[in-house]
PDB file of N, CA and C in Angstrom:
ATOM      1  N   MET A   1       8.403  85.218 118.031  1.00  0.00           N
ATOM      2  CA  MET A   1       9.015  84.917 119.281  1.00  0.00           C
ATOM      3  C   MET A   1       9.240  83.381 119.130  1.00  0.00           C
ATOM      4  N   LYS A   2      10.330  82.678 119.704  1.00  0.00           N
ATOM      5  CA  LYS A   2      10.568  81.547 119.499  1.00  0.00           C
ATOM      6  C   LYS A   2       9.949  80.890 120.589  1.00  0.00           C
ATOM      7  N   LYS A   3       9.394  79.688 120.651  1.00  0.00           N
ATOM      8  CA  LYS A   3       8.927  78.847 121.834  1.00  0.00           C
ATOM      9  C   LYS A   3       9.982  78.191 122.426  1.00  0.00           C
ATOM     10  N   THR A   4      10.166  77.943 123.886  1.00  0.00           N
ATOM     11  CA  THR A   4      11.109  77.170 124.343  1.00  0.00           C
ATOM     12  C   THR A   4      10.709  75.775 124.483  1.00  0.00           C
ATOM     13  N   SER A   5      11.608  74.807 124.462  1.00  0.00           N
ATOM     14  CA  SER A   5      11.258  73.709 124.300  1.00  0.00           C
ATOM     15  C   SER A   5      11.389  72.896 125.822  1.00  0.00           C
ATOM     16  N   THR A   6      10.224  72.003 125.478  1.00  0.00           N
ATOM     17  CA  THR A   6       9.766  71.489 126.926  1.00  0.00           C
ATOM     18  C   THR A   6       9.710  69.783 126.626  1.00  0.00           C
ATOM     19  N   LYS A   7      10.339  69.424 125.678  1.00  0.00           N
ATOM     20  CA  LYS A   7      10.443  68.071 125.527  1.00  0.00           C
ATOM     21  C   LYS A   7      11.351  67.473 127.131  1.00  0.00           C
ATOM     22  N   MET A   8      10.649  66.246 127.131  1.00  0.00           N
ATOM     23  CA  MET A   8      11.323  65.359 128.067  1.00  0.00           C
ATOM     24  C   MET A   8      13.012  65.220 128.163  1.00  0.00           C
ATOM     25  N   ALA A   9      13.424  64.849 127.009  1.00  0.00           N
ATOM     26  CA  ALA A   9      14.839  64.817 126.657  1.00  0.00           C
ATOM     27  C   ALA A   9      15.522  65.847 127.347  1.00  0.00           C
ATOM     28  N   ASP A  10      15.161  67.044 127.027  1.00  0.00           N
ATOM     29  CA  ASP A  10      15.953  68.269 127.595  1.00  0.00           C
ATOM     30  C   ASP A  10      15.938  68.321 128.939  1.00  0.00           C
ATOM     31  N   LEU A  11      14.880  68.049 129.721  1.00  0.00           N
ATOM     32  CA  LEU A  11      14.585  67.933 131.232  1.00  0.00           C
ATOM     33  C   LEU A  11      15.717  66.956 131.605  1.00  0.00           C
ATOM     34  N   ASP A  12      15.843  65.666 131.228  1.00  0.00           N
ATOM     35  CA  ASP A  12      16.481  64.660 131.843  1.00  0.00           C
ATOM     36  C   ASP A  12      17.982  64.855 132.145  1.00  0.00           C
ATOM     37  N   ILE A  13      18.402  65.818 131.538  1.00  0.00           N
ATOM     38  CA  ILE A  13      20.038  65.908 131.532  1.00  0.00           C
ATOM     39  C   ILE A  13      20.278  66.745 132.932  1.00  0.00           C
ATOM     40  N   PRO A  14      21.008  66.179 133.810  1.00  0.00           N
ATOM     41  CA  PRO A  14      21.473  66.454 135.167  1.00  0.00           C
ATOM     42  C   PRO A  14      22.489  67.859 134.748  1.00  0.00           C
ATOM     43  N   GLU A  15      22.540  68.886 135.808  1.00  0.00           N
ATOM     44  CA  GLU A  15      23.326  69.844 135.671  1.00  0.00           C
ATOM     45  C   GLU A  15      24.593  69.317 136.625  1.00  0.00           C
ATOM     46  N   LEU A  16      25.569  69.657 136.027  1.00  0.00           N
ATOM     47  CA  LEU A  16      27.154  69.087 136.469  1.00  0.00           C
ATOM     48  C   LEU A  16      27.751  70.238 137.514  1.00  0.00           C
ATOM     49  N   LYS A  17      28.278  69.975 138.481  1.00  0.00           N
ATOM     50  CA  LYS A  17      29.131  71.055 139.311  1.00  0.00           C
ATOM     51  C   LYS A  17      30.686  70.702 138.771  1.00  0.00           C
ATOM     52  N   ARG A  18      31.431  71.847 139.051  1.00  0.00           N
ATOM     53  CA  ARG A  18      32.885  71.648 138.809  1.00  0.00           C
ATOM     54  C   ARG A  18      33.395  70.280 139.402  1.00  0.00           C
ATOM     55  N   ASP A  19      33.282  70.145 140.582  1.00  0.00           N
ATOM     56  CA  ASP A  19      33.805  68.833 141.244  1.00  0.00           C
ATOM     57  C   ASP A  19      33.351  67.517 140.808  1.00  0.00           C
ATOM     58  N   GLN A  20      32.249  67.523 140.175  1.00  0.00           N
ATOM     59  CA  GLN A  20      31.670  66.366 139.576  1.00  0.00           C
ATOM     60  C   GLN A  20      32.439  65.973 138.512  1.00  0.00           C
ATOM     61  N   LEU A  21      33.058  66.896 137.662  1.00  0.00           N
ATOM     62  CA  LEU A  21      33.695  66.635 136.496  1.00  0.00           C
ATOM     63  C   LEU A  21      35.121  66.007 136.435  1.00  0.00           C
ATOM     64  N   GLY A  22      35.558  66.171 137.698  1.00  0.00           N
ATOM     65  CA  GLY A  22      36.958  65.300 137.868  1.00  0.00           C
ATOM     66  C   GLY A  22      38.228  66.691 137.305  1.00  0.00           C
ATOM     67  N   LYS A  23      39.483  66.268 137.583  1.00  0.00           N
ATOM     68  CA  LYS A  23      40.344  67.066 137.336  1.00  0.00           C
ATOM     69  C   LYS A  23      40.920  67.009 135.792  1.00  0.00           C
ATOM     70  N   GLY A  24      41.324  68.054 135.362  1.00  0.00           N
ATOM     71  CA  GLY A  24      41.787  67.889 134.252  1.00  0.00           C
ATOM     72  C   GLY A  24      43.317  67.701 134.204  1.00  0.00           C
ATOM     73  N   VAL A  25      43.578  67.124 132.888  1.00  0.00           N
ATOM     74  CA  VAL A  25      45.134  66.921 132.887  1.00  0.00           C
ATOM     75  C   VAL A  25      45.970  67.706 131.661  1.00  0.00           C
ATOM     76  N   ARG A  26      46.861  68.150 132.608  1.00  0.00           N
ATOM     77  CA  ARG A  26      47.626  69.202 131.854  1.00  0.00           C
ATOM     78  C   ARG A  26      48.629  69.083 130.570  1.00  0.00           C
ATOM     79  N   GLY A  27      48.293  69.176 129.226  1.00  0.00           N
ATOM     80  CA  GLY A  27      48.895  68.877 128.235  1.00  0.00           C
ATOM     81  C   GLY A  27      48.521  67.578 127.781  1.00  0.00           C
ATOM     82  N   LYS A  28      47.520  67.199 127.993  1.00  0.00           N
ATOM     83  CA  LYS A  28      46.595  65.905 127.364  1.00  0.00           C
ATOM     84  C   LYS A  28      46.915  65.876 125.910  1.00  0.00           C
ATOM     85  N   TYR A  29      46.852  66.923 125.047  1.00  0.00           N
ATOM     86  CA  TYR A  29      46.725  66.718 123.810  1.00  0.00           C
ATOM     87  C   TYR A  29      47.765  67.414 123.010  1.00  0.00           C
ATOM     88  N   LEU A  30      48.900  68.036 123.929  1.00  0.00           N
ATOM     89  CA  LEU A  30      50.125  68.566 123.419  1.00  0.00           C
ATOM     90  C   LEU A  30      50.952  67.963 122.394  1.00  0.00           C
ATOM     91  N   LYS A  31      50.926  66.742 122.557  1.00  0.00           N
ATOM     92  CA  LYS A  31      51.566  65.718 121.701  1.00  0.00           C
ATOM     93  C   LYS A  31      51.037  65.974 120.207  1.00  0.00           C
ATOM     94  N   HIS A  32      49.731  65.833 120.224  1.00  0.00           N
ATOM     95  CA  HIS A  32      48.906  66.118 118.824  1.00  0.00           C
ATOM     96  C   HIS A  32      49.134  67.291 118.193  1.00  0.00           C
ATOM     97  N   PHE A  33      49.159  68.532 119.317  1.00  0.00           N
ATOM     98  CA  PHE A  33      49.164  69.836 118.774  1.00  0.00           C
ATOM     99  C   PHE A  33      50.743  69.925 118.113  1.00  0.00           C
ATOM    100  N   VAL A  34      51.718  69.433 118.950  1.00  0.00           N
ATOM    101  CA  VAL A  34      52.757  69.808 118.307  1.00  0.00           C
ATOM    102  C   VAL A  34      52.991  68.928 116.969  1.00  0.00           C
ATOM    103  N   GLN A  35      52.633  67.756 116.920  1.00  0.00           N
ATOM    104  CA  GLN A  35      52.532  67.131 115.424  1.00  0.00           C
ATOM    105  C   GLN A  35      52.237  67.903 114.350  1.00  0.00           C
ATOM    106  N   GLY A  36      51.009  68.508 114.922  1.00  0.00           N
ATOM    107  CA  GLY A  36      50.206  69.382 113.575  1.00  0.00           C
ATOM    108  C   GLY A  36      49.413  68.311 112.655  1.00  0.00           C
ATOM    109  N   SER A  37      48.726  69.020 111.915  1.00  0.00           N
ATOM    110  CA  SER A  37      47.983  68.162 111.167  1.00  0.00           C
ATOM    111  C   SER A  37      47.504  68.829 109.912  1.00  0.00           C
ATOM    112  N   ASN A  38      48.495  68.584 108.710  1.00  0.00           N
ATOM    113  CA  ASN A  38      48.072  69.532 107.620  1.00  0.00           C
ATOM    114  C   ASN A  38      47.846  68.405 106.687  1.00  0.00           C
ATOM    115  N   VAL A  39      46.477  68.621 105.975  1.00  0.00           N
ATOM    116  CA  VAL A  39      46.045  67.656 105.137  1.00  0.00           C
ATOM    117  C   VAL A  39      46.135  68.075 103.702  1.00  0.00           C
ATOM    118  N   VAL A  40      46.762  67.384 102.869  1.00  0.00           N
ATOM    119  CA  VAL A  40      46.694  67.721 101.669  1.00  0.00           C
ATOM    120  C   VAL A  40      46.069  66.664 100.564  1.00  0.00           C
ATOM    121  N   VAL A  41      45.187  67.082  99.753  1.00  0.00           N
ATOM    122  CA  VAL A  41      44.668  66.079  99.011  1.00  0.00           C
ATOM    123  C   VAL A  41      45.149  66.099  97.732  1.00  0.00           C
ATOM    124  N   LEU A  42      45.792  64.619  97.441  1.00  0.00           N
ATOM    125  CA  LEU A  42      46.562  64.596  95.779  1.00  0.00           C
ATOM    126  C   LEU A  42      45.572  64.100  95.005  1.00  0.00           C
ATOM    127  N   GLN A  43      46.021  64.286  93.819  1.00  0.00           N
ATOM    128  CA  GLN A  43      45.079  63.993  92.646  1.00  0.00           C
ATOM    129  C   GLN A  43      45.623  62.530  92.474  1.00  0.00           C
ATOM    130  N   PRO A  44      44.658  61.741  91.936  1.00  0.00           N
ATOM    131  CA  PRO A  44      44.967  60.208  91.802  1.00  0.00           C
ATOM    132  C   PRO A  44      46.272  59.855  91.128  1.00  0.00           C
ATOM    133  N   GLU A  45      46.536  60.312  90.274  1.00  0.00           N
ATOM    134  CA  GLU A  45      47.923  60.154  89.308  1.00  0.00           C
ATOM    135  C   GLU A  45      49.210  60.547  90.056  1.00  0.00           C
ATOM    136  N   ILE A  46      49.149  61.609  90.686  1.00  0.00           N
ATOM    137  CA  ILE A  46      50.148  62.349  91.758  1.00  0.00           C
ATOM    138  C   ILE A  46      50.254  61.236  92.760  1.00  0.00           C
ATOM    139  N   LEU A  47      49.037  60.601  93.202  1.00  0.00           N
ATOM    140  CA  LEU A  47      48.998  59.598  94.418  1.00  0.00           C
ATOM    141  C   LEU A  47      49.879  58.390  93.954  1.00  0.00           C
ATOM    142  N   LYS A  48      49.899  58.026  92.691  1.00  0.00           N
ATOM    143  CA  LYS A  48      50.337  56.858  92.009  1.00  0.00           C
ATOM    144  C   LYS A  48      51.927  57.149  92.331  1.00  0.00           C
ATOM    145  N   ALA A  49      52.465  58.208  91.727  1.00  0.00           N
ATOM    146  CA  ALA A  49      53.974  58.339  91.885  1.00  0.00           C
ATOM    147  C   ALA A  49      54.256  58.883  93.203  1.00  0.00           C
ATOM    148  N   PHE A  50      53.572  59.352  94.078  1.00  0.00           N
ATOM    149  CA  PHE A  50      54.062  59.344  95.650  1.00  0.00           C
ATOM    150  C   PHE A  50      53.216  58.755  96.560  1.00  0.00           C
ATOM    151  N   PRO A  51      53.322  57.576  96.715  1.00  0.00           N
ATOM    152  CA  PRO A  51      52.206  56.911  97.579  1.00  0.00           C
ATOM    153  C   PRO A  51      52.404  57.305  99.144  1.00  0.00           C
ATOM    154  N   THR A  52      53.422  57.610  99.835  1.00  0.00           N
ATOM    155  CA  THR A  52      53.516  58.016 100.829  1.00  0.00           C
ATOM    156  C   THR A  52      53.851  59.445 101.239  1.00  0.00           C
ATOM    157  N   SER A  53      53.803  60.037 102.366  1.00  0.00           N
ATOM    158  CA  SER A  53      54.244  61.373 103.001  1.00  0.00           C
ATOM    159  C   SER A  53      55.746  61.690 102.684  1.00  0.00           C
ATOM    160  N   GLU A  54      56.354  60.477 103.123  1.00  0.00           N
ATOM    161  CA  GLU A  54      57.735  60.829 102.826  1.00  0.00           C
ATOM    162  C   GLU A  54      58.449  60.977 101.353  1.00  0.00           C
ATOM    163  N   ALA A  55      57.679  60.113 100.404  1.00  0.00           N
ATOM    164  CA  ALA A  55      58.058  60.341  99.349  1.00  0.00           C
ATOM    165  C   ALA A  55      57.866  61.622  98.730  1.00  0.00           C
ATOM    166  N   VAL A  56      56.503  62.203  99.205  1.00  0.00           N
ATOM    167  CA  VAL A  56      55.902  63.635  98.803  1.00  0.00           C
ATOM    168  C   VAL A  56      57.152  64.683  99.553  1.00  0.00           C
ATOM    169  N   ASN A  57      57.368  64.476 100.606  1.00  0.00           N
ATOM    170  CA  ASN A  57      58.477  65.324 101.272  1.00  0.00           C
ATOM    171  C   ASN A  57      59.705  65.406 100.713  1.00  0.00           C
ATOM    172  N   LYS A  58      60.127  64.448  99.894  1.00  0.00           N
ATOM    173  CA  LYS A  58      61.503  64.136  99.795  1.00  0.00           C
ATOM    174  C   LYS A  58      61.427  65.056  98.349  1.00  0.00           C
ATOM    175  N   ALA A  59      60.490  64.624  97.534  1.00  0.00           N
ATOM    176  CA  ALA A  59      60.330  65.289  96.193  1.00  0.00           C
ATOM    177  C   ALA A  59      60.270  66.797  96.330  1.00  0.00           C
ATOM    178  N   LEU A  60      59.499  67.235  97.241  1.00  0.00           N
ATOM    179  CA  LEU A  60      59.375  68.773  97.527  1.00  0.00           C
ATOM    180  C   LEU A  60      60.708  69.478  98.081  1.00  0.00           C
ATOM    181  N   ALA A  61      61.370  68.836  98.672  1.00  0.00           N
ATOM    182  CA  ALA A  61      62.732  69.302  99.358  1.00  0.00           C
ATOM    183  C   ALA A  61      63.815  69.225  98.297  1.00  0.00           C
ATOM    184  N   SER A  62      63.777  68.225  97.062  1.00  0.00           N
ATOM    185  CA  SER A  62      64.602  68.293  96.254  1.00  0.00           C
ATOM    186  C   SER A  62      64.086  69.390  95.276  1.00  0.00           C
ATOM    187  N   MET A  63      62.970  69.720  95.155  1.00  0.00           N
ATOM    188  CA  MET A  63      62.389  70.540  94.154  1.00  0.00           C
ATOM    189  C   MET A  63      62.821  71.949  94.776  1.00  0.00           C
ATOM    190  N   LEU A  64      62.901  72.337  95.995  1.00  0.00           N
ATOM    191  CA  LEU A  64      63.256  73.384  96.575  1.00  0.00           C
ATOM    192  C   LEU A  64      64.674  73.771  96.363  1.00  0.00           C
ATOM    193  N   ALA A  65      65.322  72.570  96.560  1.00  0.00           N
ATOM    194  CA  ALA A  65      66.919  73.057  96.206  1.00  0.00           C
ATOM    195  C   ALA A  65      67.123  73.369  94.944  1.00  0.00           C
ATOM    196  N   PHE A  66      66.573  72.512  94.076  1.00  0.00           N
ATOM    197  CA  PHE A  66      66.769  73.109  92.520  1.00  0.00           C
ATOM    198  C   PHE A  66      66.219  74.362  92.307  1.00  0.00           C
ATOM    199  N   ALA A  67      65.272  74.774  92.812  1.00  0.00           N
ATOM    200  CA  ALA A  67      64.687  76.279  92.545  1.00  0.00           C
ATOM    201  C   ALA A  67      65.725  77.331  93.416  1.00  0.00           C
ATOM    202  N   HIS A  68      66.237  77.077  94.612  1.00  0.00           N
ATOM    203  CA  HIS A  68      67.447  77.613  95.096  1.00  0.00           C
ATOM    204  C   HIS A  68      68.606  77.892  94.363  1.00  0.00           C
ATOM    205  N   GLU A  69      69.172  76.703  94.000  1.00  0.00           N
ATOM    206  CA  GLU A  69      70.222  76.718  92.848  1.00  0.00           C
ATOM    207  C   GLU A  69      70.042  77.550  92.098  1.00  0.00           C
ATOM    208  N   THR A  70      69.018  77.266  91.280  1.00  0.00           N
ATOM    209  CA  THR A  70      68.727  78.217  89.931  1.00  0.00           C
ATOM    210  C   THR A  70      68.687  79.328  89.870  1.00  0.00           C
ATOM    211  N   GLN A  71      68.067  79.838  91.291  1.00  0.00           N
ATOM    212  CA  GLN A  71      67.910  81.566  91.626  1.00  0.00           C
ATOM    213  C   GLN A  71      69.419  82.078  91.850  1.00  0.00           C
ATOM    214  N   VAL A  72      70.371  81.127  92.490  1.00  0.00           N
ATOM    215  CA  VAL A  72      71.676  81.492  93.018  1.00  0.00           C
ATOM    216  C   VAL A  72      72.419  81.837  91.468  1.00  0.00           C
ATOM    217  N   LEU A  73      72.256  80.913  90.682  1.00  0.00           N
ATOM    218  CA  LEU A  73      72.675  80.932  89.444  1.00  0.00           C
ATOM    219  C   LEU A  73      72.352  82.014  88.615  1.00  0.00           C
ATOM    220  N   SER A  74      71.086  82.418  88.745  1.00  0.00           N
ATOM    221  CA  SER A  74      70.506  83.489  87.935  1.00  0.00           C
ATOM    222  C   SER A  74      70.899  84.832  88.206  1.00  0.00           C
ATOM    223  N   VAL A  75      71.275  85.083  89.492  1.00  0.00           N
ATOM    224  CA  VAL A  75      71.693  86.341  90.140  1.00  0.00           C
ATOM    225  C   VAL A  75      73.362  86.379  89.584  1.00  0.00           C
ATOM    226  N   ARG A  76      73.811  85.342  89.966  1.00  0.00           N
ATOM    227  CA  ARG A  76      75.218  85.470  89.379  1.00  0.00           C
ATOM    228  C   ARG A  76      75.508  85.621  87.878  1.00  0.00           C
ATOM    229  N   THR A  77      74.626  85.363  87.382  1.00  0.00           N
ATOM    230  CA  THR A  77      74.688  85.373  85.717  1.00  0.00           C
ATOM    231  C   THR A  77      74.483  86.832  85.506  1.00  0.00           C
ATOM    232  N   LYS A  78      73.391  87.267  85.954  1.00  0.00           N
ATOM    233  CA  LYS A  78      73.232  88.845  85.703  1.00  0.00           C
ATOM    234  C   LYS A  78      74.201  89.844  86.512  1.00  0.00           C
ATOM    235  N   THR A  79      74.923  89.528  87.388  1.00  0.00           N
ATOM    236  CA  THR A  79      75.897  90.153  87.669  1.00  0.00           C
ATOM    237  C   THR A  79      77.059  90.179  86.923  1.00  0.00           C
ATOM    238  N   THR A  80      77.454  89.065  86.095  1.00  0.00           N
ATOM    239  CA  THR A  80      78.572  88.687  85.333  1.00  0.00           C
ATOM    240  C   THR A  80      78.077  89.599  84.208  1.00  0.00           C
ATOM    241  N   THR A  81      76.929  89.703  83.703  1.00  0.00           N
ATOM    242  CA  THR A  81      76.537  90.091  82.345  1.00  0.00           C
ATOM    243  C   THR A  81      76.948  91.733  82.585  1.00  0.00           C
ATOM    244  N   ARG A  82      76.393  92.269  83.586  1.00  0.00           N
ATOM    245  CA  ARG A  82      76.451  93.784  83.889  1.00  0.00           C
ATOM    246  C   ARG A  82      78.129  94.284  83.849  1.00  0.00           C
ATOM    247  N   LYS A  83      79.178  93.468  84.409  1.00  0.00           N
ATOM    248  CA  LYS A  83      80.472  93.603  84.536  1.00  0.00           C
ATOM    249  C   LYS A  83      80.826  93.608  83.266  1.00  0.00           C
ATOM    250  N   ARG A  84      80.584  92.616  82.410  1.00  0.00           N
ATOM    251  CA  ARG A  84      81.118  92.590  80.951  1.00  0.00           C
ATOM    252  C   ARG A  84      80.647  93.860  80.045  1.00  0.00           C
ATOM    253  N   LEU A  85      79.573  94.035  80.317  1.00  0.00           N
ATOM    254  CA  LEU A  85      78.742  95.192  79.710  1.00  0.00           C
ATOM    255  C   LEU A  85      79.638  96.554  80.011  1.00  0.00           C
ATOM    256  N   ALA A  86      79.912  96.860  81.286  1.00  0.00           N
ATOM    257  CA  ALA A  86      80.356  97.824  82.070  1.00  0.00           C
ATOM    258  C   ALA A  86      82.007  97.749  81.398  1.00  0.00           C
ATOM    259  N   ALA A  87      82.584  96.720  81.221  1.00  0.00           N
ATOM    260  CA  ALA A  87      83.993  96.809  80.601  1.00  0.00           C
ATOM    261  C   ALA A  87      83.899  97.054  79.201  1.00  0.00           C
ATOM    262  N   SER A  88      83.302  96.970  78.448  1.00  0.00           N
ATOM    263  CA  SER A  88      83.134  97.004  76.887  1.00  0.00           C
ATOM    264  C   SER A  88      83.335  98.446  76.692  1.00  0.00           C
TER     265      SER A  88
END
């Protein structure tokens, strides 16, 4: 069985009532919540190439656009090949 703490530091803390705490502010941290906070740790060599978050975002956006374009071209090529095979 655990012993209860009887240190003076524990006894010195006053108990507060709700009206002593003051009034809360609605939306006080909303700005921070909306902005979000996604932390990504980069390797040192990557950090040298992309020193700011804007540089990282720009590189990732262009990579996504390239991947999307490649996917569109791949689907188009497969469809064209099937049509050629069916016509033969």
